[in-house]
């Protein structure tokens, strides 16, 4: 009763208590755990900060699977970041909301299919190859499964988006992300009118992936050795045979 009254007083009577927690509180918990956990792992356990590549155990199909997955996931992440974080007042100078949604559906679909094929190959390899499976940690397998579920939910949102090509849901989700980012959770929650279940599950699992980030191999995302570009050349000499 108290929760309902509080929600109504904030204009959130269209949401239940679980939605208010997941979309208004959980993002900040996940971000705090991600930042603190990542810092703690880097400070206390640097030797665990790696991708844990299994290519030496079996490189069959690894190159194509990894390339498809990484090309797809990078395209998806960049698309999400630009699409969600760009205010309408900016992109309306170049493209309409309806065309932006169509572009997002086409580009996201292409990148999603590439990522799906690569990730499916990596999953099969991880779970069916005895040597790789036995040397993989629970976290290694878990994060691949979660990413695969998330990817399927994302592809499901593309199908759901064909039912409303006016861009209304896309605008609502973008407004939610932007308000969450600038610490306005109540305004963010007010954007979630009539958002379908597949979108809600996709967002909730995305937040969970952020929460799990520091405890998995995903940490290698922020470990690109960019300092290699500015280091001195290394000279390698080979002794001539006598």
Protein backbone atom coordinates (compact mmCIF):
# COMPACT_ATOMS: atom_id res chain seq x y z
CA UNK A 1 0.00 0.00 0.00
CA UNK A 2 2.80 2.39 0.96
CA UNK A 3 4.74 1.61 -2.22
CA UNK A 4 1.67 2.29 -4.34
CA UNK A 5 1.04 5.63 -2.63
CA UNK A 6 4.69 6.65 -3.02
CA UNK A 7 4.73 5.68 -6.67
CA UNK A 8 1.53 7.58 -7.32
CA UNK A 9 2.90 10.69 -5.61
CA UNK A 10 5.86 10.61 -8.03
CA UNK A 11 3.63 10.02 -11.03
CA UNK A 12 4.84 6.44 -11.37
CA UNK A 13 1.54 4.69 -10.80
CA UNK A 14 1.90 3.04 -14.23
CA UNK A 15 4.81 0.97 -12.83
CA UNK A 16 4.92 -1.71 -10.15
CA UNK A 17 7.53 -1.84 -7.40
CA UNK A 18 9.72 -4.32 -9.28
CA UNK A 19 9.87 -2.09 -12.36
CA UNK A 20 10.68 0.93 -10.20
CA UNK A 21 13.58 -0.99 -8.61
CA UNK A 22 14.93 -2.55 -11.82
CA UNK A 23 14.78 0.58 -13.95
CA UNK A 24 15.24 3.27 -11.31
CA UNK A 25 17.57 1.83 -8.64
CA UNK A 26 19.26 -1.25 -10.08
CA UNK A 27 21.24 0.71 -12.74
CA UNK A 28 23.07 2.67 -10.04
CA UNK A 29 23.77 -0.46 -7.98
CA UNK A 30 25.14 -2.20 -11.07
CA UNK A 31 27.31 0.78 -12.01
CA UNK A 32 28.72 1.09 -8.49
CA UNK A 33 29.57 -2.63 -8.35
CA UNK A 34 31.10 -2.42 -11.83
CA UNK A 35 33.36 0.53 -11.03
CA UNK A 36 34.43 -0.62 -7.55
CA UNK A 37 34.73 -4.28 -8.57
CA UNK A 38 36.80 -3.44 -11.66
CA UNK A 39 39.15 -1.23 -9.65
CA UNK A 40 39.50 -3.87 -6.91
CA UNK A 41 40.24 -6.66 -9.40
CA UNK A 42 42.85 -4.60 -11.21
CA UNK A 43 44.47 -3.62 -7.92
CA UNK A 44 44.35 -6.99 -6.17
CA UNK A 45 44.30 -9.61 -8.90
CA UNK A 46 46.02 -8.35 -12.03
CA UNK A 47 47.07 -11.83 -13.13
CA UNK A 48 43.38 -12.73 -13.56
CA UNK A 49 42.89 -9.71 -15.85
CA UNK A 50 42.93 -11.55 -19.17
CA UNK A 51 40.73 -13.03 -21.87
CA UNK A 52 41.70 -16.58 -20.99
CA UNK A 53 42.05 -17.55 -24.65
CA UNK A 54 41.63 -21.23 -25.44
CA UNK A 55 42.96 -21.00 -28.98
CA UNK A 56 46.06 -23.04 -28.09
CA UNK A 57 43.85 -25.94 -27.05
CA UNK A 58 41.93 -26.01 -30.32
CA UNK A 59 42.08 -23.34 -33.00
CA UNK A 60 39.65 -25.02 -35.40
CA UNK A 61 37.04 -22.42 -36.41
CA UNK A 62 38.31 -20.04 -33.73
CA UNK A 63 39.41 -17.30 -36.11
CA UNK A 64 36.11 -16.96 -37.98
CA UNK A 65 33.98 -17.37 -34.82
CA UNK A 66 35.96 -14.77 -32.88
CA UNK A 67 36.02 -12.29 -35.77
CA UNK A 68 32.29 -12.57 -36.42
CA UNK A 69 31.51 -12.18 -32.73
CA UNK A 70 33.79 -9.19 -32.19
CA UNK A 71 32.73 -7.38 -35.36
CA UNK A 72 29.10 -7.88 -34.46
CA UNK A 73 29.38 -6.95 -30.78
CA UNK A 74 31.45 -3.83 -31.46
CA UNK A 75 28.91 -2.67 -34.04
CA UNK A 76 26.06 -3.33 -31.62
CA UNK A 77 27.71 -1.49 -28.73
CA UNK A 78 28.61 1.52 -30.85
CA UNK A 79 25.10 1.60 -32.28
CA UNK A 80 23.54 1.45 -28.82
CA UNK A 81 25.81 4.17 -27.47
CA UNK A 82 25.30 6.61 -30.34
CA UNK A 83 21.63 5.82 -30.76
CA UNK A 84 20.70 6.03 -27.10
CA UNK A 85 22.94 8.88 -25.98
CA UNK A 86 22.35 11.30 -28.87
CA UNK A 87 19.59 13.81 -27.98
CA UNK A 88 16.76 14.18 -30.49
CA UNK A 89 17.56 17.90 -30.88
CA UNK A 90 20.90 16.92 -32.39
CA UNK A 91 20.02 14.03 -34.70
CA UNK A 92 16.90 15.75 -36.01
CA UNK A 93 19.22 18.01 -37.99
CA UNK A 94 20.29 14.98 -40.01
CA UNK A 95 17.57 12.33 -39.80
CA UNK A 96 13.97 11.92 -38.68
CA UNK A 97 12.94 9.72 -35.77
CA UNK A 98 11.26 7.23 -38.08
CA UNK A 99 14.30 6.93 -40.36
CA UNK A 100 16.60 6.67 -37.34
CA UNK A 101 14.60 3.71 -36.08
CA UNK A 102 14.71 2.05 -39.50
CA UNK A 103 18.47 2.59 -39.68
CA UNK A 104 18.88 1.14 -36.20
CA UNK A 105 16.80 -1.92 -37.11
CA UNK A 106 18.73 -2.63 -40.31
CA UNK A 107 22.23 -1.96 -38.93
CA UNK A 108 21.42 -3.69 -35.64
CA UNK A 109 19.98 -6.67 -37.49
CA UNK A 110 23.09 -7.11 -39.66
CA UNK A 111 25.49 -6.75 -36.72
CA UNK A 112 23.24 -8.93 -34.59
CA UNK A 113 23.23 -11.79 -37.10
CA UNK A 114 27.03 -11.65 -37.45
CA UNK A 115 27.39 -11.67 -33.68
CA UNK A 116 24.82 -14.49 -33.32
CA UNK A 117 26.70 -16.77 -35.73
CA UNK A 118 30.06 -16.09 -34.07
CA UNK A 119 28.71 -16.44 -30.54
CA UNK A 120 26.86 -19.66 -31.38
CA UNK A 121 30.11 -21.12 -32.73
CA UNK A 122 31.98 -20.03 -29.60
CA UNK A 123 29.29 -21.55 -27.36
CA UNK A 124 29.35 -24.88 -29.19
CA UNK A 125 33.12 -24.92 -29.01
CA UNK A 126 33.19 -23.99 -25.32
CA UNK A 127 30.68 -26.64 -24.26
CA UNK A 128 31.38 -29.54 -26.61
CA UNK A 129 35.17 -29.62 -26.86
CA UNK A 130 36.28 -31.72 -23.84
CA UNK A 131 39.62 -29.97 -23.32
CA UNK A 132 38.18 -26.47 -23.59
CA UNK A 133 35.15 -27.30 -21.47
CA UNK A 134 37.22 -28.81 -18.65
CA UNK A 135 39.62 -25.85 -18.53
CA UNK A 136 36.85 -23.23 -18.63
CA UNK A 137 35.62 -21.65 -15.43
CA UNK A 138 31.98 -21.31 -14.50
CA UNK A 139 32.21 -17.57 -15.23
CA UNK A 140 33.59 -18.27 -18.72
CA UNK A 141 30.60 -20.40 -19.64
CA UNK A 142 28.05 -18.30 -17.78
CA UNK A 143 28.91 -15.03 -19.51
CA UNK A 144 28.69 -16.61 -22.96
CA UNK A 145 25.23 -17.98 -22.16
CA UNK A 146 24.08 -14.63 -20.78
CA UNK A 147 25.42 -12.78 -23.82
CA UNK A 148 23.63 -15.23 -26.11
CA UNK A 149 20.33 -14.73 -24.27
CA UNK A 150 20.82 -10.96 -24.39
CA UNK A 151 21.59 -11.08 -28.10
CA UNK A 152 18.42 -13.05 -28.80
CA UNK A 153 16.40 -10.55 -26.77
CA UNK A 154 17.98 -7.74 -28.78
CA UNK A 155 17.04 -9.41 -32.05
CA UNK A 156 13.57 -9.90 -30.59
CA UNK A 157 13.25 -6.14 -30.04
CA UNK A 158 13.86 -5.61 -33.77
CA UNK A 159 10.90 -7.85 -34.56
CA UNK A 160 8.79 -6.06 -31.95
CA UNK A 161 9.80 -2.69 -33.41
CA UNK A 162 8.08 -3.52 -36.69
CA UNK A 163 4.78 -3.04 -34.84
CA UNK A 164 5.48 0.64 -34.15
CA UNK A 165 7.58 2.30 -36.83
CA UNK A 166 6.89 5.79 -35.49
CA UNK A 167 9.94 5.55 -33.23
CA UNK A 168 7.97 6.13 -30.03
CA UNK A 169 9.48 3.24 -28.10
CA UNK A 170 12.98 4.07 -29.30
CA UNK A 171 12.55 7.67 -28.14
CA UNK A 172 11.21 6.51 -24.77
CA UNK A 173 14.14 4.15 -24.17
CA UNK A 174 16.65 6.79 -25.26
CA UNK A 175 15.08 9.28 -22.85
CA UNK A 176 15.26 6.67 -20.08
CA UNK A 177 18.99 6.09 -20.69
CA UNK A 178 19.78 9.81 -20.87
CA UNK A 179 17.87 10.61 -17.68
CA UNK A 180 19.48 7.73 -15.82
CA UNK A 181 22.89 8.99 -16.96
CA UNK A 182 22.30 12.51 -15.61
CA UNK A 183 20.95 11.14 -12.30
CA UNK A 184 17.26 11.82 -12.84
CA UNK A 185 15.72 8.40 -12.09
CA UNK A 186 12.17 9.67 -11.57
CA UNK A 187 12.17 11.42 -14.94
CA UNK A 188 13.67 8.26 -16.44
CA UNK A 189 10.92 6.06 -15.03
CA UNK A 190 8.28 8.39 -16.40
CA UNK A 191 9.47 7.48 -19.91
CA UNK A 192 8.53 3.84 -19.52
CA UNK A 193 4.91 3.98 -20.63
CA UNK A 194 3.69 0.92 -22.52
CA UNK A 195 7.17 -0.53 -23.06
CA UNK A 196 6.86 -4.16 -24.16
CA UNK A 197 8.16 -7.06 -22.10
CA UNK A 198 10.92 -7.95 -24.56
CA UNK A 199 12.37 -4.43 -24.21
CA UNK A 200 12.16 -4.58 -20.42
CA UNK A 201 13.93 -7.95 -20.30
CA UNK A 202 16.60 -6.70 -22.70
CA UNK A 203 17.29 -3.63 -20.57
CA UNK A 204 17.24 -5.56 -17.28
CA UNK A 205 19.68 -8.17 -18.55
CA UNK A 206 21.90 -5.43 -19.98
CA UNK A 207 22.10 -3.85 -16.53
CA UNK A 208 22.95 -7.27 -15.08
CA UNK A 209 25.82 -7.68 -17.54
CA UNK A 210 27.23 -4.37 -16.28
CA UNK A 211 26.94 -5.75 -12.73
CA UNK A 212 28.81 -8.94 -13.68
CA UNK A 213 31.44 -7.13 -15.76
CA UNK A 214 34.29 -7.05 -13.20
CA UNK A 215 33.89 -10.74 -12.34
CA UNK A 216 34.26 -12.10 -15.87
CA UNK A 217 36.64 -12.03 -18.82
CA UNK A 218 34.76 -8.99 -20.14
CA UNK A 219 37.25 -6.78 -18.32
CA UNK A 220 39.63 -7.17 -21.27
CA UNK A 221 37.36 -4.71 -23.13
CA UNK A 222 38.98 -1.82 -21.27
CA UNK A 223 42.51 -3.20 -21.55
CA UNK A 224 43.38 -2.35 -25.15
CA UNK A 225 47.19 -1.85 -25.25
CA UNK A 226 46.99 1.57 -26.90
CA UNK A 227 50.38 2.50 -25.45
CA UNK A 228 51.90 0.14 -28.03
CA UNK A 229 51.23 2.83 -30.64
CA UNK A 230 53.69 5.23 -29.03
CA UNK A 231 56.42 2.91 -27.78
CA UNK A 232 59.87 2.63 -29.33
CA UNK A 233 60.55 0.01 -31.95
CA UNK A 234 61.96 -3.26 -30.67
CA UNK A 235 64.96 -4.54 -32.61
CA UNK A 236 65.26 -8.30 -32.82
CA UNK A 237 68.53 -9.74 -34.10
CA UNK A 238 68.97 -13.30 -35.23
CA UNK A 239 72.32 -15.04 -34.99
CA UNK A 240 73.62 -16.28 -38.28
CA UNK A 241 74.33 -19.96 -38.50
CA UNK A 242 78.06 -20.72 -38.22
